[in-house]
Amino acid sequence: MNFILYICFWYITVFVVYLIEMAWHYWCSKSYIHAQEPMLALKEGETIAVVADRPNGIRFYTEIDVVGGKSYE
């Protein structure tokens, strides 16, 4: 009987630690969500030449007077 109580105690302990970890991850994920302001403003004559997908966001590279993939500066 003592062995069964010992096993039940550890199952309950692991389950409680799991619930605490899930609550922590849920709470932390909500605290880091921020609305991102638009940061791209094209000037007259500029064109988006390349779009790069990065782990921390999308990066835009601009060129002046791009025609057919070639830059004329």
PDB file of N, CA and C in Angstrom:
ATOM      1  N   MET A   1       0.821  -1.198   0.000  1.00  0.00           N
ATOM      2  CA  MET A   1       0.000   0.000   0.000  1.00  0.00           C
ATOM      3  C   MET A   1       0.869   1.267   0.000  1.00  0.00           C
ATOM      4  N   ASN A   2       1.973   1.245   0.678  1.00  0.00           N
ATOM      5  CA  ASN A   2       2.850   2.405   0.718  1.00  0.00           C
ATOM      6  C   ASN A   2       3.443   2.699  -0.649  1.00  0.00           C
ATOM      7  N   PHE A   3       3.759   1.668  -1.409  1.00  0.00           N
ATOM      8  CA  PHE A   3       4.326   1.871  -2.744  1.00  0.00           C
ATOM      9  C   PHE A   3       3.316   2.549  -3.668  1.00  0.00           C
ATOM     10  N   ILE A   4       2.055   2.150  -3.594  1.00  0.00           N
ATOM     11  CA  ILE A   4       1.013   2.767  -4.427  1.00  0.00           C
ATOM     12  C   ILE A   4       0.838   4.239  -4.050  1.00  0.00           C
ATOM     13  N   LEU A   5       0.859   4.559  -2.767  1.00  0.00           N
ATOM     14  CA  LEU A   5       0.757   5.946  -2.341  1.00  0.00           C
ATOM     15  C   LEU A   5       1.969   6.753  -2.803  1.00  0.00           C
ATOM     16  N   TYR A   6       3.141   6.147  -2.764  1.00  0.00           N
ATOM     17  CA  TYR A   6       4.370   6.790  -3.228  1.00  0.00           C
ATOM     18  C   TYR A   6       4.277   7.127  -4.715  1.00  0.00           C
ATOM     19  N   ILE A   7       3.828   6.174  -5.526  1.00  0.00           N
ATOM     20  CA  ILE A   7       3.674   6.387  -6.966  1.00  0.00           C
ATOM     21  C   ILE A   7       2.613   7.456  -7.235  1.00  0.00           C
ATOM     22  N   CYS A   8       1.500   7.409  -6.535  1.00  0.00           N
ATOM     23  CA  CYS A   8       0.439   8.425  -6.719  1.00  0.00           C
ATOM     24  C   CYS A   8       0.944   9.815  -6.343  1.00  0.00           C
ATOM     25  N   PHE A   9       1.718   9.908  -5.276  1.00  0.00           N
ATOM     26  CA  PHE A   9       2.287  11.189  -4.867  1.00  0.00           C
ATOM     27  C   PHE A   9       3.155  11.770  -5.976  1.00  0.00           C
ATOM     28  N   TRP A  10       4.019  10.972  -6.586  1.00  0.00           N
ATOM     29  CA  TRP A  10       4.893  11.462  -7.641  1.00  0.00           C
ATOM     30  C   TRP A  10       4.124  11.801  -8.913  1.00  0.00           C
ATOM     31  N   TYR A  11       3.097  11.025  -9.253  1.00  0.00           N
ATOM     32  CA  TYR A  11       2.262  11.375 -10.405  1.00  0.00           C
ATOM     33  C   TYR A  11       1.575  12.714 -10.194  1.00  0.00           C
ATOM     34  N   ILE A  12       1.059  12.938  -8.989  1.00  0.00           N
ATOM     35  CA  ILE A  12       0.390  14.205  -8.694  1.00  0.00           C
ATOM     36  C   ILE A  12       1.401  15.356  -8.716  1.00  0.00           C
ATOM     37  N   THR A  13       2.593  15.133  -8.173  1.00  0.00           N
ATOM     38  CA  THR A  13       3.632  16.165  -8.166  1.00  0.00           C
ATOM     39  C   THR A  13       4.032  16.546  -9.590  1.00  0.00           C
ATOM     40  N   VAL A  14       4.251  15.564 -10.435  1.00  0.00           N
ATOM     41  CA  VAL A  14       4.629  15.839 -11.832  1.00  0.00           C
ATOM     42  C   VAL A  14       3.499  16.566 -12.547  1.00  0.00           C
ATOM     43  N   PHE A  15       2.256  16.186 -12.303  1.00  0.00           N
ATOM     44  CA  PHE A  15       1.117  16.835 -12.944  1.00  0.00           C
ATOM     45  C   PHE A  15       0.997  18.291 -12.504  1.00  0.00           C
ATOM     46  N   VAL A  16       1.221  18.569 -11.229  1.00  0.00           N
ATOM     47  CA  VAL A  16       1.152  19.947 -10.726  1.00  0.00           C
ATOM     48  C   VAL A  16       2.271  20.788 -11.338  1.00  0.00           C
ATOM     49  N   VAL A  17       3.485  20.242 -11.424  1.00  0.00           N
ATOM     50  CA  VAL A  17       4.588  20.972 -12.048  1.00  0.00           C
ATOM     51  C   VAL A  17       4.282  21.239 -13.515  1.00  0.00           C
ATOM     52  N   TYR A  18       3.686  20.271 -14.209  1.00  0.00           N
ATOM     53  CA  TYR A  18       3.292  20.450 -15.607  1.00  0.00           C
ATOM     54  C   TYR A  18       2.256  21.572 -15.741  1.00  0.00           C
ATOM     55  N   LEU A  19       1.263  21.602 -14.871  1.00  0.00           N
ATOM     56  CA  LEU A  19       0.251  22.664 -14.923  1.00  0.00           C
ATOM     57  C   LEU A  19       0.861  24.034 -14.652  1.00  0.00           C
ATOM     58  N   ILE A  20       1.805  24.110 -13.719  1.00  0.00           N
ATOM     59  CA  ILE A  20       2.475  25.387 -13.437  1.00  0.00           C
ATOM     60  C   ILE A  20       3.267  25.840 -14.650  1.00  0.00           C
ATOM     61  N   GLU A  21       3.969  24.907 -15.304  1.00  0.00           N
ATOM     62  CA  GLU A  21       4.745  25.271 -16.497  1.00  0.00           C
ATOM     63  C   GLU A  21       3.830  25.730 -17.628  1.00  0.00           C
ATOM     64  N   MET A  22       2.704  25.049 -17.841  1.00  0.00           N
ATOM     65  CA  MET A  22       1.769  25.460 -18.893  1.00  0.00           C
ATOM     66  C   MET A  22       1.199  26.855 -18.596  1.00  0.00           C
ATOM     67  N   ALA A  23       0.868  27.116 -17.342  1.00  0.00           N
ATOM     68  CA  ALA A  23       0.356  28.443 -16.972  1.00  0.00           C
ATOM     69  C   ALA A  23       1.431  29.506 -17.181  1.00  0.00           C
ATOM     70  N   TRP A  24       2.683  29.187 -16.872  1.00  0.00           N
ATOM     71  CA  TRP A  24       3.791  30.133 -17.059  1.00  0.00           C
ATOM     72  C   TRP A  24       3.972  30.460 -18.533  1.00  0.00           C
ATOM     73  N   HIS A  25       3.965  29.450 -19.395  1.00  0.00           N
ATOM     74  CA  HIS A  25       4.121  29.690 -20.830  1.00  0.00           C
ATOM     75  C   HIS A  25       2.954  30.500 -21.388  1.00  0.00           C
ATOM     76  N   TYR A  26       1.749  30.224 -20.920  1.00  0.00           N
ATOM     77  CA  TYR A  26       0.577  30.982 -21.370  1.00  0.00           C
ATOM     78  C   TYR A  26       0.692  32.439 -20.942  1.00  0.00           C
ATOM     79  N   TRP A  27       1.120  32.672 -19.709  1.00  0.00           N
ATOM     80  CA  TRP A  27       1.235  34.039 -19.204  1.00  0.00           C
ATOM     81  C   TRP A  27       2.346  34.796 -19.925  1.00  0.00           C
ATOM     82  N   CYS A  28       3.495  34.135 -20.172  1.00  0.00           N
ATOM     83  CA  CYS A  28       4.619  34.805 -20.838  1.00  0.00           C
ATOM     84  C   CYS A  28       4.309  35.106 -22.301  1.00  0.00           C
ATOM     85  N   SER A  29       3.603  34.230 -22.987  1.00  0.00           N
ATOM     86  CA  SER A  29       3.313  34.460 -24.400  1.00  0.00           C
ATOM     87  C   SER A  29       2.388  35.657 -24.583  1.00  0.00           C
ATOM     88  N   LYS A  30       1.505  35.919 -23.650  1.00  0.00           N
ATOM     89  CA  LYS A  30       0.611  37.065 -23.762  1.00  0.00           C
ATOM     90  C   LYS A  30       1.339  38.377 -23.486  1.00  0.00           C
ATOM     91  N   SER A  31       2.386  38.342 -22.674  1.00  0.00           N
ATOM     92  CA  SER A  31       3.036  39.584 -22.287  1.00  0.00           C
ATOM     93  C   SER A  31       3.958  40.135 -23.364  1.00  0.00           C
ATOM     94  N   TYR A  32       4.357  39.331 -24.347  1.00  0.00           N
ATOM     95  CA  TYR A  32       5.296  39.785 -25.357  1.00  0.00           C
ATOM     96  C   TYR A  32       4.648  40.089 -26.703  1.00  0.00           C
ATOM     97  N   ILE A  33       3.336  40.061 -26.782  1.00  0.00           N
ATOM     98  CA  ILE A  33       2.658  40.372 -28.029  1.00  0.00           C
ATOM     99  C   ILE A  33       2.465  41.888 -28.109  1.00  0.00           C
ATOM    100  N   HIS A  34       3.099  42.501 -29.111  1.00  0.00           N
ATOM    101  CA  HIS A  34       2.990  43.943 -29.301  1.00  0.00           C
ATOM    102  C   HIS A  34       2.596  44.212 -30.753  1.00  0.00           C
ATOM    103  N   ALA A  35       1.783  45.204 -30.952  1.00  0.00           N
ATOM    104  CA  ALA A  35       1.434  45.609 -32.310  1.00  0.00           C
ATOM    105  C   ALA A  35       2.647  46.290 -32.937  1.00  0.00           C
ATOM    106  N   GLN A  36       2.945  45.911 -34.164  1.00  0.00           N
ATOM    107  CA  GLN A  36       4.123  46.473 -34.829  1.00  0.00           C
ATOM    108  C   GLN A  36       3.702  47.636 -35.712  1.00  0.00           C
ATOM    109  N   GLU A  37       4.420  48.719 -35.578  1.00  0.00           N
ATOM    110  CA  GLU A  37       4.171  49.897 -36.394  1.00  0.00           C
ATOM    111  C   GLU A  37       4.770  49.675 -37.786  1.00  0.00           C
ATOM    112  N   PRO A  38       4.121  50.184 -38.823  1.00  0.00           N
ATOM    113  CA  PRO A  38       4.735  50.078 -40.151  1.00  0.00           C
ATOM    114  C   PRO A  38       6.011  50.912 -40.196  1.00  0.00           C
ATOM    115  N   MET A  39       7.091  50.321 -40.706  1.00  0.00           N
ATOM    116  CA  MET A  39       8.382  50.998 -40.698  1.00  0.00           C
ATOM    117  C   MET A  39       8.889  51.297 -42.093  1.00  0.00           C
ATOM    118  N   LEU A  40       8.137  51.007 -43.114  1.00  0.00           N
ATOM    119  CA  LEU A  40       8.609  51.178 -44.481  1.00  0.00           C
ATOM    120  C   LEU A  40       7.882  52.350 -45.122  1.00  0.00           C
ATOM    121  N   ALA A  41       8.636  53.297 -45.611  1.00  0.00           N
ATOM    122  CA  ALA A  41       8.078  54.428 -46.339  1.00  0.00           C
ATOM    123  C   ALA A  41       8.954  54.648 -47.563  1.00  0.00           C
ATOM    124  N   LEU A  42       8.392  54.407 -48.740  1.00  0.00           N
ATOM    125  CA  LEU A  42       9.148  54.587 -49.981  1.00  0.00           C
ATOM    126  C   LEU A  42       9.175  56.059 -50.360  1.00  0.00           C
ATOM    127  N   LYS A  43      10.317  56.506 -50.799  1.00  0.00           N
ATOM    128  CA  LYS A  43      10.438  57.871 -51.309  1.00  0.00           C
ATOM    129  C   LYS A  43      10.151  57.847 -52.800  1.00  0.00           C
ATOM    130  N   GLU A  44      10.022  58.991 -53.387  1.00  0.00           N
ATOM    131  CA  GLU A  44       9.719  59.083 -54.814  1.00  0.00           C
ATOM    132  C   GLU A  44      10.851  58.459 -55.632  1.00  0.00           C
ATOM    133  N   GLY A  45      10.499  57.565 -56.553  1.00  0.00           N
ATOM    134  CA  GLY A  45      11.476  56.912 -57.413  1.00  0.00           C
ATOM    135  C   GLY A  45      12.020  55.603 -56.856  1.00  0.00           C
ATOM    136  N   GLU A  46      11.705  55.268 -55.606  1.00  0.00           N
ATOM    137  CA  GLU A  46      12.193  54.025 -55.029  1.00  0.00           C
ATOM    138  C   GLU A  46      11.242  52.875 -55.328  1.00  0.00           C
ATOM    139  N   THR A  47      11.804  51.697 -55.468  1.00  0.00           N
ATOM    140  CA  THR A  47      11.037  50.486 -55.725  1.00  0.00           C
ATOM    141  C   THR A  47      11.566  49.383 -54.821  1.00  0.00           C
ATOM    142  N   ILE A  48      10.684  48.510 -54.351  1.00  0.00           N
ATOM    143  CA  ILE A  48      11.117  47.358 -53.563  1.00  0.00           C
ATOM    144  C   ILE A  48      11.755  46.366 -54.515  1.00  0.00           C
ATOM    145  N   ALA A  49      13.047  46.089 -54.332  1.00  0.00           N
ATOM    146  CA  ALA A  49      13.786  45.205 -55.228  1.00  0.00           C
ATOM    147  C   ALA A  49      13.839  43.776 -54.697  1.00  0.00           C
ATOM    148  N   VAL A  50      14.024  43.609 -53.390  1.00  0.00           N
ATOM    149  CA  VAL A  50      14.184  42.279 -52.794  1.00  0.00           C
ATOM    150  C   VAL A  50      13.406  42.236 -51.489  1.00  0.00           C
ATOM    151  N   VAL A  51      12.758  41.116 -51.242  1.00  0.00           N
ATOM    152  CA  VAL A  51      12.095  40.870 -49.972  1.00  0.00           C
ATOM    153  C   VAL A  51      12.757  39.650 -49.351  1.00  0.00           C
ATOM    154  N   ALA A  52      13.293  39.789 -48.142  1.00  0.00           N
ATOM    155  CA  ALA A  52      13.975  38.686 -47.457  1.00  0.00           C
ATOM    156  C   ALA A  52      13.190  38.321 -46.209  1.00  0.00           C
ATOM    157  N   ASP A  53      12.896  37.040 -46.059  1.00  0.00           N
ATOM    158  CA  ASP A  53      12.189  36.545 -44.886  1.00  0.00           C
ATOM    159  C   ASP A  53      13.219  36.142 -43.839  1.00  0.00           C
ATOM    160  N   ARG A  54      13.276  36.857 -42.732  1.00  0.00           N
ATOM    161  CA  ARG A  54      14.232  36.605 -41.655  1.00  0.00           C
ATOM    162  C   ARG A  54      13.495  36.034 -40.452  1.00  0.00           C
ATOM    163  N   PRO A  55      14.188  35.388 -39.525  1.00  0.00           N
ATOM    164  CA  PRO A  55      13.522  34.869 -38.322  1.00  0.00           C
ATOM    165  C   PRO A  55      12.877  35.958 -37.464  1.00  0.00           C
ATOM    166  N   ASN A  56      13.447  37.156 -37.472  1.00  0.00           N
ATOM    167  CA  ASN A  56      12.894  38.229 -36.653  1.00  0.00           C
ATOM    168  C   ASN A  56      11.963  39.162 -37.430  1.00  0.00           C
ATOM    169  N   GLY A  57      11.684  38.863 -38.697  1.00  0.00           N
ATOM    170  CA  GLY A  57      10.756  39.677 -39.480  1.00  0.00           C
ATOM    171  C   GLY A  57      11.111  39.692 -40.950  1.00  0.00           C
ATOM    172  N   ILE A  58      10.328  40.413 -41.702  1.00  0.00           N
ATOM    173  CA  ILE A  58      10.557  40.533 -43.143  1.00  0.00           C
ATOM    174  C   ILE A  58      11.402  41.769 -43.402  1.00  0.00           C
ATOM    175  N   ARG A  59      12.384  41.646 -44.275  1.00  0.00           N
ATOM    176  CA  ARG A  59      13.282  42.762 -44.607  1.00  0.00           C
ATOM    177  C   ARG A  59      13.059  43.154 -46.063  1.00  0.00           C
ATOM    178  N   PHE A  60      12.898  44.436 -46.321  1.00  0.00           N
ATOM    179  CA  PHE A  60      12.711  44.950 -47.669  1.00  0.00           C
ATOM    180  C   PHE A  60      13.961  45.716 -48.090  1.00  0.00           C
ATOM    181  N   TYR A  61      14.430  45.465 -49.300  1.00  0.00           N
ATOM    182  CA  TYR A  61      15.556  46.198 -49.861  1.00  0.00           C
ATOM    183  C   TYR A  61      15.028  47.021 -51.024  1.00  0.00           C
ATOM    184  N   THR A  62      15.380  48.297 -51.035  1.00  0.00           N
ATOM    185  CA  THR A  62      14.859  49.193 -52.066  1.00  0.00           C
ATOM    186  C   THR A  62      15.969  49.620 -53.010  1.00  0.00           C
ATOM    187  N   GLU A  63      15.575  49.946 -54.212  1.00  0.00           N
ATOM    188  CA  GLU A  63      16.478  50.478 -55.242  1.00  0.00           C
ATOM    189  C   GLU A  63      15.819  51.699 -55.859  1.00  0.00           C
ATOM    190  N   ILE A  64      16.627  52.533 -56.464  1.00  0.00           N
ATOM    191  CA  ILE A  64      16.107  53.710 -57.157  1.00  0.00           C
ATOM    192  C   ILE A  64      16.064  53.404 -58.648  1.00  0.00           C
ATOM    193  N   ASP A  65      14.924  53.647 -59.263  1.00  0.00           N
ATOM    194  CA  ASP A  65      14.722  53.459 -60.715  1.00  0.00           C
ATOM    195  C   ASP A  65      15.073  52.034 -61.163  1.00  0.00           C
ATOM    196  N   VAL A  66      14.407  51.049 -60.613  1.00  0.00           N
ATOM    197  CA  VAL A  66      14.639  49.647 -61.017  1.00  0.00           C
ATOM    198  C   VAL A  66      13.764  49.336 -62.207  1.00  0.00           C
ATOM    199  N   VAL A  67      14.377  48.848 -63.285  1.00  0.00           N
ATOM    200  CA  VAL A  67      13.625  48.461 -64.491  1.00  0.00           C
ATOM    201  C   VAL A  67      14.121  47.087 -64.912  1.00  0.00           C
ATOM    202  N   GLY A  68      13.249  46.110 -64.947  1.00  0.00           N
ATOM    203  CA  GLY A  68      13.606  44.772 -65.394  1.00  0.00           C
ATOM    204  C   GLY A  68      14.650  44.103 -64.532  1.00  0.00           C
ATOM    205  N   GLY A  69      14.692  44.388 -63.228  1.00  0.00           N
ATOM    206  CA  GLY A  69      15.642  43.779 -62.330  1.00  0.00           C
ATOM    207  C   GLY A  69      17.005  44.437 -62.320  1.00  0.00           C
ATOM    208  N   LYS A  70      17.227  45.499 -63.107  1.00  0.00           N
ATOM    209  CA  LYS A  70      18.514  46.191 -63.120  1.00  0.00           C
ATOM    210  C   LYS A  70      18.354  47.580 -62.514  1.00  0.00           C
ATOM    211  N   SER A  71      19.332  47.979 -61.760  1.00  0.00           N
ATOM    212  CA  SER A  71      19.277  49.285 -61.119  1.00  0.00           C
ATOM    213  C   SER A  71      20.028  50.312 -61.967  1.00  0.00           C
ATOM    214  N   TYR A  72      19.364  51.457 -62.221  1.00  0.00           N
ATOM    215  CA  TYR A  72      19.972  52.545 -62.986  1.00  0.00           C
ATOM    216  C   TYR A  72      20.121  53.735 -62.062  1.00  0.00           C
ATOM    217  N   GLU A  73      21.312  53.947 -61.531  1.00  0.00           N
ATOM    218  CA  GLU A  73      21.528  55.084 -60.621  1.00  0.00           C
ATOM    219  C   GLU A  73      22.432  56.102 -61.280  1.00  0.00           C
TER     220      GLU A  73
END
